[in-house]
Amino acid sequence: MFWLIFFGWWLCLTHKSTGIVQCISIIGIPVEMTNFEITAIALWLVGRRVVSVEEARLSSLLRSPHNVESLARLAQLPV
């Protein structure tokens, strides 16, 4: 609750307003979409974790049972 009351609400509001301003130009649209994704993390930080791209891909592969070939390529083992 401490995070939400003292930091989360204004950080979330800042990311939302920055995202709306960045919608004005075409160049700012990818950054704007990232700002809108960050708002949920900024509002309620508990239970969220920022990870590298490689770690995120690996965890998504491990969650799906249909990616045996992809896991074998990742581990460089013959299928």
N, C-alpha and C. Protein backbone atom coordinates (compact mmCIF):
# COMPACT_ATOMS: atom_id res chain seq x y z
N MET A 1 0.81 -1.20 0.00
CA MET A 1 0.00 0.00 0.00
C MET A 1 0.86 1.26 0.00
N PHE A 2 2.02 1.18 0.66
CA PHE A 2 2.90 2.34 0.71
C PHE A 2 3.30 2.78 -0.69
N TRP A 3 3.67 1.81 -1.54
CA TRP A 3 4.07 2.14 -2.91
C TRP A 3 2.93 2.79 -3.67
N LEU A 4 1.75 2.23 -3.58
CA LEU A 4 0.60 2.74 -4.30
C LEU A 4 0.25 4.16 -3.88
N ILE A 5 0.26 4.42 -2.61
CA ILE A 5 -0.13 5.74 -2.11
C ILE A 5 0.92 6.81 -2.41
N PHE A 6 2.19 6.50 -2.17
CA PHE A 6 3.21 7.53 -2.27
C PHE A 6 3.90 7.62 -3.63
N PHE A 7 3.97 6.53 -4.37
CA PHE A 7 4.72 6.56 -5.62
C PHE A 7 3.92 6.10 -6.83
N GLY A 8 3.15 5.04 -6.66
CA GLY A 8 2.51 4.38 -7.78
C GLY A 8 1.54 5.24 -8.58
N TRP A 9 0.68 5.97 -7.89
CA TRP A 9 -0.36 6.72 -8.61
C TRP A 9 0.22 7.82 -9.47
N TRP A 10 1.22 8.57 -8.95
CA TRP A 10 1.77 9.66 -9.77
C TRP A 10 2.69 9.14 -10.85
N LEU A 11 3.37 8.03 -10.61
CA LEU A 11 4.21 7.43 -11.63
C LEU A 11 3.35 6.87 -12.76
N CYS A 12 2.24 6.24 -12.41
CA CYS A 12 1.29 5.73 -13.41
C CYS A 12 0.70 6.89 -14.21
N LEU A 13 0.31 7.94 -13.55
CA LEU A 13 -0.25 9.11 -14.23
C LEU A 13 0.77 9.76 -15.16
N THR A 14 2.02 9.81 -14.74
CA THR A 14 3.08 10.37 -15.58
C THR A 14 3.29 9.54 -16.83
N HIS A 15 3.31 8.23 -16.70
CA HIS A 15 3.48 7.37 -17.87
C HIS A 15 2.29 7.49 -18.81
N LYS A 16 1.08 7.57 -18.27
CA LYS A 16 -0.11 7.73 -19.12
C LYS A 16 -0.07 9.04 -19.89
N SER A 17 0.23 10.14 -19.20
CA SER A 17 0.24 11.45 -19.87
C SER A 17 1.38 11.54 -20.88
N THR A 18 2.53 10.97 -20.57
CA THR A 18 3.64 10.96 -21.52
C THR A 18 3.28 10.14 -22.75
N GLY A 19 2.60 9.02 -22.55
CA GLY A 19 2.16 8.19 -23.67
C GLY A 19 1.17 8.91 -24.56
N ILE A 20 0.27 9.66 -23.98
CA ILE A 20 -0.71 10.42 -24.77
C ILE A 20 -0.01 11.50 -25.58
N VAL A 21 0.96 12.18 -25.00
CA VAL A 21 1.71 13.21 -25.72
C VAL A 21 2.52 12.59 -26.86
N GLN A 22 3.06 11.40 -26.64
CA GLN A 22 3.87 10.76 -27.68
C GLN A 22 3.02 10.23 -28.83
N CYS A 23 1.71 10.11 -28.64
CA CYS A 23 0.82 9.68 -29.73
C CYS A 23 0.74 10.73 -30.83
N ILE A 24 1.14 11.93 -30.56
CA ILE A 24 1.03 13.02 -31.54
C ILE A 24 1.90 12.74 -32.77
N SER A 25 3.10 12.24 -32.56
CA SER A 25 3.97 11.97 -33.71
C SER A 25 4.00 10.47 -34.01
N ILE A 26 4.24 10.14 -35.26
CA ILE A 26 4.32 8.74 -35.67
C ILE A 26 5.55 8.07 -35.05
N ILE A 27 6.61 8.80 -34.89
CA ILE A 27 7.84 8.25 -34.33
C ILE A 27 7.65 7.84 -32.87
N GLY A 28 6.79 8.53 -32.16
CA GLY A 28 6.60 8.25 -30.74
C GLY A 28 5.66 7.10 -30.43
N ILE A 29 4.99 6.52 -31.42
CA ILE A 29 3.99 5.48 -31.16
C ILE A 29 4.59 4.22 -30.50
N PRO A 30 5.73 3.68 -30.94
CA PRO A 30 6.26 2.51 -30.23
C PRO A 30 6.62 2.80 -28.77
N VAL A 31 7.16 3.97 -28.52
CA VAL A 31 7.50 4.34 -27.15
C VAL A 31 6.23 4.56 -26.34
N GLU A 32 5.21 5.09 -26.98
CA GLU A 32 3.93 5.31 -26.31
C GLU A 32 3.31 3.99 -25.87
N MET A 33 3.38 2.97 -26.72
CA MET A 33 2.82 1.67 -26.34
C MET A 33 3.59 1.08 -25.16
N THR A 34 4.89 1.29 -25.12
CA THR A 34 5.69 0.82 -23.99
C THR A 34 5.31 1.57 -22.72
N ASN A 35 5.06 2.88 -22.83
CA ASN A 35 4.63 3.65 -21.67
C ASN A 35 3.32 3.13 -21.11
N PHE A 36 2.38 2.76 -21.97
CA PHE A 36 1.11 2.23 -21.49
C PHE A 36 1.28 0.86 -20.85
N GLU A 37 2.24 0.06 -21.31
CA GLU A 37 2.51 -1.22 -20.68
C GLU A 37 3.16 -1.04 -19.30
N ILE A 38 3.97 -0.01 -19.17
CA ILE A 38 4.68 0.24 -17.92
C ILE A 38 3.73 0.76 -16.84
N THR A 39 2.60 1.32 -17.22
CA THR A 39 1.70 1.90 -16.22
C THR A 39 1.23 0.88 -15.20
N ALA A 40 0.96 -0.35 -15.63
CA ALA A 40 0.53 -1.37 -14.67
C ALA A 40 1.64 -1.71 -13.68
N ILE A 41 2.87 -1.75 -14.18
CA ILE A 41 4.00 -2.03 -13.30
C ILE A 41 4.22 -0.86 -12.34
N ALA A 42 4.08 0.36 -12.84
CA ALA A 42 4.31 1.53 -12.00
C ALA A 42 3.24 1.66 -10.91
N LEU A 43 2.01 1.29 -11.25
CA LEU A 43 0.93 1.43 -10.28
C LEU A 43 1.06 0.42 -9.14
N TRP A 44 1.30 -0.82 -9.47
CA TRP A 44 1.40 -1.86 -8.44
C TRP A 44 2.64 -2.69 -8.71
N LEU A 45 3.72 -2.36 -8.05
CA LEU A 45 5.04 -2.93 -8.29
C LEU A 45 5.20 -4.34 -7.75
N VAL A 46 4.41 -4.71 -6.78
CA VAL A 46 4.57 -5.98 -6.09
C VAL A 46 4.26 -7.15 -7.03
N GLY A 47 5.15 -8.13 -7.09
CA GLY A 47 4.94 -9.31 -7.90
C GLY A 47 5.41 -9.17 -9.33
N ARG A 48 5.98 -8.07 -9.71
CA ARG A 48 6.46 -7.85 -11.07
C ARG A 48 7.97 -7.90 -11.07
N ARG A 49 8.54 -8.31 -12.21
CA ARG A 49 9.98 -8.40 -12.31
C ARG A 49 10.39 -8.09 -13.74
N VAL A 50 11.40 -7.29 -13.91
CA VAL A 50 11.94 -6.97 -15.22
C VAL A 50 13.04 -7.99 -15.52
N VAL A 51 12.92 -8.66 -16.68
CA VAL A 51 13.89 -9.69 -17.06
C VAL A 51 14.44 -9.38 -18.44
N SER A 52 15.54 -10.04 -18.78
CA SER A 52 16.12 -9.87 -20.10
C SER A 52 15.26 -10.57 -21.14
N VAL A 53 15.48 -10.25 -22.40
CA VAL A 53 14.71 -10.85 -23.49
C VAL A 53 14.96 -12.35 -23.55
N GLU A 54 16.20 -12.76 -23.37
CA GLU A 54 16.53 -14.17 -23.43
C GLU A 54 15.81 -14.96 -22.34
N GLU A 55 15.79 -14.41 -21.14
CA GLU A 55 15.11 -15.09 -20.04
C GLU A 55 13.61 -15.17 -20.27
N ALA A 56 13.03 -14.13 -20.83
CA ALA A 56 11.60 -14.15 -21.13
C ALA A 56 11.27 -15.17 -22.21
N ARG A 57 12.10 -15.26 -23.24
CA ARG A 57 11.87 -16.26 -24.29
C ARG A 57 12.01 -17.67 -23.73
N LEU A 58 13.01 -17.89 -22.90
CA LEU A 58 13.21 -19.22 -22.32
C LEU A 58 12.03 -19.61 -21.45
N SER A 59 11.54 -18.69 -20.62
CA SER A 59 10.42 -19.04 -19.75
C SER A 59 9.15 -19.28 -20.55
N SER A 60 8.95 -18.56 -21.66
CA SER A 60 7.77 -18.83 -22.49
C SER A 60 7.89 -20.18 -23.19
N LEU A 61 9.11 -20.57 -23.56
CA LEU A 61 9.31 -21.89 -24.15
C LEU A 61 9.05 -22.99 -23.14
N LEU A 62 9.48 -22.77 -21.91
CA LEU A 62 9.30 -23.79 -20.88
C LEU A 62 7.84 -23.96 -20.49
N ARG A 63 7.05 -22.91 -20.61
CA ARG A 63 5.63 -22.99 -20.25
C ARG A 63 4.80 -23.72 -21.29
N SER A 64 5.25 -23.76 -22.53
CA SER A 64 4.47 -24.38 -23.60
C SER A 64 4.96 -25.79 -23.89
N PRO A 65 4.09 -26.79 -23.82
CA PRO A 65 4.53 -28.17 -24.07
C PRO A 65 4.78 -28.45 -25.55
N HIS A 66 4.39 -27.57 -26.44
CA HIS A 66 4.51 -27.79 -27.88
C HIS A 66 5.84 -27.32 -28.45
N ASN A 67 6.74 -26.85 -27.62
CA ASN A 67 7.99 -26.29 -28.10
C ASN A 67 9.18 -27.19 -27.85
N VAL A 68 9.03 -28.49 -28.01
CA VAL A 68 10.13 -29.42 -27.75
C VAL A 68 11.27 -29.18 -28.74
N GLU A 69 10.94 -28.95 -30.01
CA GLU A 69 11.98 -28.71 -31.01
C GLU A 69 12.74 -27.41 -30.71
N SER A 70 12.01 -26.39 -30.31
CA SER A 70 12.65 -25.12 -29.98
C SER A 70 13.57 -25.27 -28.77
N LEU A 71 13.13 -26.03 -27.79
CA LEU A 71 13.98 -26.26 -26.62
C LEU A 71 15.22 -27.05 -26.99
N ALA A 72 15.08 -28.02 -27.91
CA ALA A 72 16.24 -28.80 -28.34
C ALA A 72 17.23 -27.92 -29.09
N ARG A 73 16.71 -27.00 -29.92
CA ARG A 73 17.61 -26.07 -30.62
C ARG A 73 18.30 -25.15 -29.64
N LEU A 74 17.56 -24.73 -28.63
CA LEU A 74 18.13 -23.84 -27.62
C LEU A 74 19.25 -24.54 -26.85
N ALA A 75 19.03 -25.78 -26.54
CA ALA A 75 20.04 -26.56 -25.82
C ALA A 75 21.07 -27.17 -26.75
N GLN A 76 20.88 -27.03 -28.07
CA GLN A 76 21.76 -27.55 -29.10
C GLN A 76 21.91 -29.06 -29.00
N LEU A 77 20.77 -29.73 -28.78
CA LEU A 77 20.74 -31.19 -28.72
C LEU A 77 19.96 -31.70 -29.94
N PRO A 78 20.32 -32.84 -30.47
CA PRO A 78 19.55 -33.40 -31.59
C PRO A 78 18.18 -33.86 -31.11
N VAL A 79 17.18 -33.67 -31.95
CA VAL A 79 15.81 -34.04 -31.59
C VAL A 79 15.57 -35.49 -31.90
